[in-house]
Amino acid sequence: MQVLYTATATATGGRQGRIRSSDGVLDLSLAHPKELGGPGGAATNPEQLFAAGYAACFENALLRVARERKAPLRESHVTAHVGIGREEDGFFRLKVVLEVWVPGRDRAEVEEMVRVAHEEVCPYSRATRGNIEVDLKVA
């Protein structure tokens, strides 16, 4: 693979620390969510960061599929819900639900574009395939 871009971020202090990108654009405090026994508050967590990356990447993949079909989207958004929990084996696992909203388009057309974006275009979808349960929902 020819790498075109490398994003670099450093975490310090684990879930109670900080995350900072090499260029300093991303510089955030981290905290355990209340649901995991932490304080929550005005800090992010790895699941939120993953959700943000996946949502942005997936929407871009969807926009690309629409352009390639000569049917560009004027408006859309993707919301990624990233859940974390323990499996019966005691290990933590992630689960993702991607909600896609495209107003004014035929539902079947949007569902097909979402399928192609998920199966063929989005690198997050390719990376998670077989590792994380990902549910696709068209609103």
Protein backbone atom coordinates (compact mmCIF):
# COMPACT_ATOMS: atom_id res chain seq x y z
CA MET A 1 0.00 0.00 0.00
CA GLN A 2 1.25 3.46 -0.86
CA VAL A 3 0.52 5.64 2.18
CA LEU A 4 -0.81 9.04 1.11
CA TYR A 5 -1.29 10.54 4.56
CA THR A 6 -0.46 9.52 8.11
CA ALA A 7 -2.40 10.92 11.04
CA THR A 8 -0.48 10.84 14.29
CA ALA A 9 -1.85 11.27 17.78
CA THR A 10 -0.39 10.55 21.19
CA ALA A 11 -2.35 9.50 24.25
CA THR A 12 -1.02 10.01 27.75
CA GLY A 13 -2.68 8.91 30.97
CA GLY A 14 -5.08 6.42 29.36
CA ARG A 15 -8.78 7.12 29.70
CA GLN A 16 -8.11 9.79 32.34
CA GLY A 17 -5.41 11.59 30.35
CA ARG A 18 -5.11 13.55 27.12
CA ILE A 19 -5.01 12.95 23.39
CA ARG A 20 -2.99 15.26 21.15
CA SER A 21 -2.34 15.19 17.42
CA SER A 22 1.18 15.81 16.17
CA ASP A 23 0.10 19.15 14.65
CA GLY A 24 -1.68 20.24 17.86
CA VAL A 25 -5.05 20.71 16.14
CA LEU A 26 -6.52 17.94 18.28
CA ASP A 27 -5.72 18.43 21.96
CA LEU A 28 -8.38 17.04 24.26
CA SER A 29 -8.85 15.81 27.81
CA LEU A 30 -10.04 12.24 28.21
CA ALA A 31 -12.35 10.84 30.90
CA HIS A 32 -14.17 7.60 31.57
CA PRO A 33 -17.87 8.02 30.75
CA LYS A 34 -20.20 7.87 33.75
CA GLU A 35 -21.71 4.70 32.26
CA LEU A 36 -18.32 2.99 32.69
CA GLY A 37 -17.90 4.18 36.28
CA GLY A 38 -16.02 7.36 35.48
CA PRO A 39 -16.69 11.02 36.19
CA GLY A 40 -17.83 11.93 32.66
CA GLY A 41 -17.89 15.69 32.33
CA ALA A 42 -16.30 18.03 29.80
CA ALA A 43 -13.89 15.50 28.31
CA THR A 44 -14.03 13.05 25.44
CA ASN A 45 -13.31 9.33 25.30
CA PRO A 46 -12.00 6.85 22.73
CA GLU A 47 -15.49 5.77 21.69
CA GLN A 48 -16.49 9.36 20.84
CA LEU A 49 -13.29 9.84 18.85
CA PHE A 50 -13.88 6.59 16.94
CA ALA A 51 -17.52 7.57 16.29
CA ALA A 52 -16.45 10.96 14.92
CA GLY A 53 -13.86 9.44 12.59
CA TYR A 54 -16.15 6.70 11.36
CA ALA A 55 -19.09 9.08 10.74
CA ALA A 56 -16.94 11.53 8.76
CA CYS A 57 -15.26 8.81 6.72
CA PHE A 58 -18.52 6.99 5.99
CA GLU A 59 -20.30 10.13 4.87
CA ASN A 60 -17.43 10.92 2.53
CA ALA A 61 -17.65 7.38 1.11
CA LEU A 62 -21.40 7.85 0.61
CA LEU A 63 -20.83 11.18 -1.18
CA ARG A 64 -18.27 9.50 -3.44
CA VAL A 65 -20.65 6.67 -4.34
CA ALA A 66 -23.37 9.20 -5.20
CA ARG A 67 -20.96 11.26 -7.37
CA GLU A 68 -19.76 8.16 -9.21
CA ARG A 69 -23.39 7.30 -9.97
CA LYS A 70 -23.89 10.80 -11.37
CA ALA A 71 -26.42 11.45 -8.60
CA PRO A 72 -24.61 13.79 -6.17
CA LEU A 73 -26.17 14.39 -2.79
CA ARG A 74 -27.11 17.94 -1.85
CA GLU A 75 -27.65 17.14 1.79
CA SER A 76 -26.82 14.20 4.02
CA HIS A 77 -25.48 13.30 7.39
CA VAL A 78 -24.18 10.21 9.12
CA THR A 79 -24.41 9.63 12.85
CA ALA A 80 -22.20 6.91 14.31
CA HIS A 81 -23.20 5.33 17.61
CA VAL A 82 -20.28 3.42 19.12
CA GLY A 83 -21.15 1.23 22.05
CA ILE A 84 -18.77 -0.61 24.34
CA GLY A 85 -19.61 -3.52 26.59
CA ARG A 86 -18.46 -6.88 27.85
CA GLU A 87 -19.17 -10.10 26.01
CA GLU A 88 -19.92 -13.36 27.81
CA ASP A 89 -16.20 -14.20 27.58
CA GLY A 90 -15.46 -11.15 29.77
CA PHE A 91 -13.69 -9.16 27.04
CA PHE A 92 -14.74 -5.68 25.99
CA ARG A 93 -16.15 -5.32 22.49
CA LEU A 94 -17.41 -2.45 20.36
CA LYS A 95 -20.64 -2.25 18.41
CA VAL A 96 -21.42 0.40 15.81
CA VAL A 97 -24.70 1.67 14.42
CA LEU A 98 -24.42 4.04 11.45
CA GLU A 99 -27.54 6.14 10.87
CA VAL A 100 -27.64 7.72 7.42
CA TRP A 101 -29.99 10.57 6.55
CA VAL A 102 -30.46 11.74 2.96
CA PRO A 103 -33.61 13.85 2.46
CA GLY A 104 -35.53 13.90 -0.78
CA ARG A 105 -34.07 10.68 -2.19
CA ASP A 106 -35.68 7.31 -2.79
CA ARG A 107 -35.06 5.06 0.23
CA ALA A 108 -34.06 2.06 -1.90
CA GLU A 109 -31.54 4.21 -3.79
CA VAL A 110 -30.02 5.47 -0.52
CA GLU A 111 -29.91 1.96 0.94
CA GLU A 112 -28.00 0.74 -2.12
CA MET A 113 -25.53 3.62 -1.94
CA VAL A 114 -25.03 2.93 1.79
CA ARG A 115 -24.40 -0.75 1.04
CA VAL A 116 -21.78 0.09 -1.59
CA ALA A 117 -20.14 2.71 0.65
CA HIS A 118 -19.92 0.13 3.45
CA GLU A 119 -18.82 -2.86 1.39
CA GLU A 120 -16.53 -1.22 -1.15
CA VAL A 121 -15.43 2.31 -0.27
CA CYS A 122 -15.15 3.28 3.42
CA PRO A 123 -11.80 2.25 4.93
CA TYR A 124 -13.29 2.25 8.45
CA SER A 125 -15.90 -0.27 7.30
CA ARG A 126 -13.19 -2.39 5.69
CA ALA A 127 -11.05 -2.25 8.85
CA THR A 128 -13.89 -3.24 11.16
CA ARG A 129 -15.37 -5.98 8.95
CA GLY A 130 -15.40 -9.25 10.84
CA ASN A 131 -14.17 -7.56 14.03
CA ILE A 132 -17.00 -5.26 15.09
CA GLU A 133 -20.72 -5.62 14.57
CA VAL A 134 -21.83 -2.73 12.34
CA ASP A 135 -25.52 -2.07 11.74
CA LEU A 136 -26.57 0.27 8.91
CA LYS A 137 -29.79 2.28 9.24
CA VAL A 138 -31.26 4.63 6.66
CA ALA A 139 -33.51 7.25 8.28
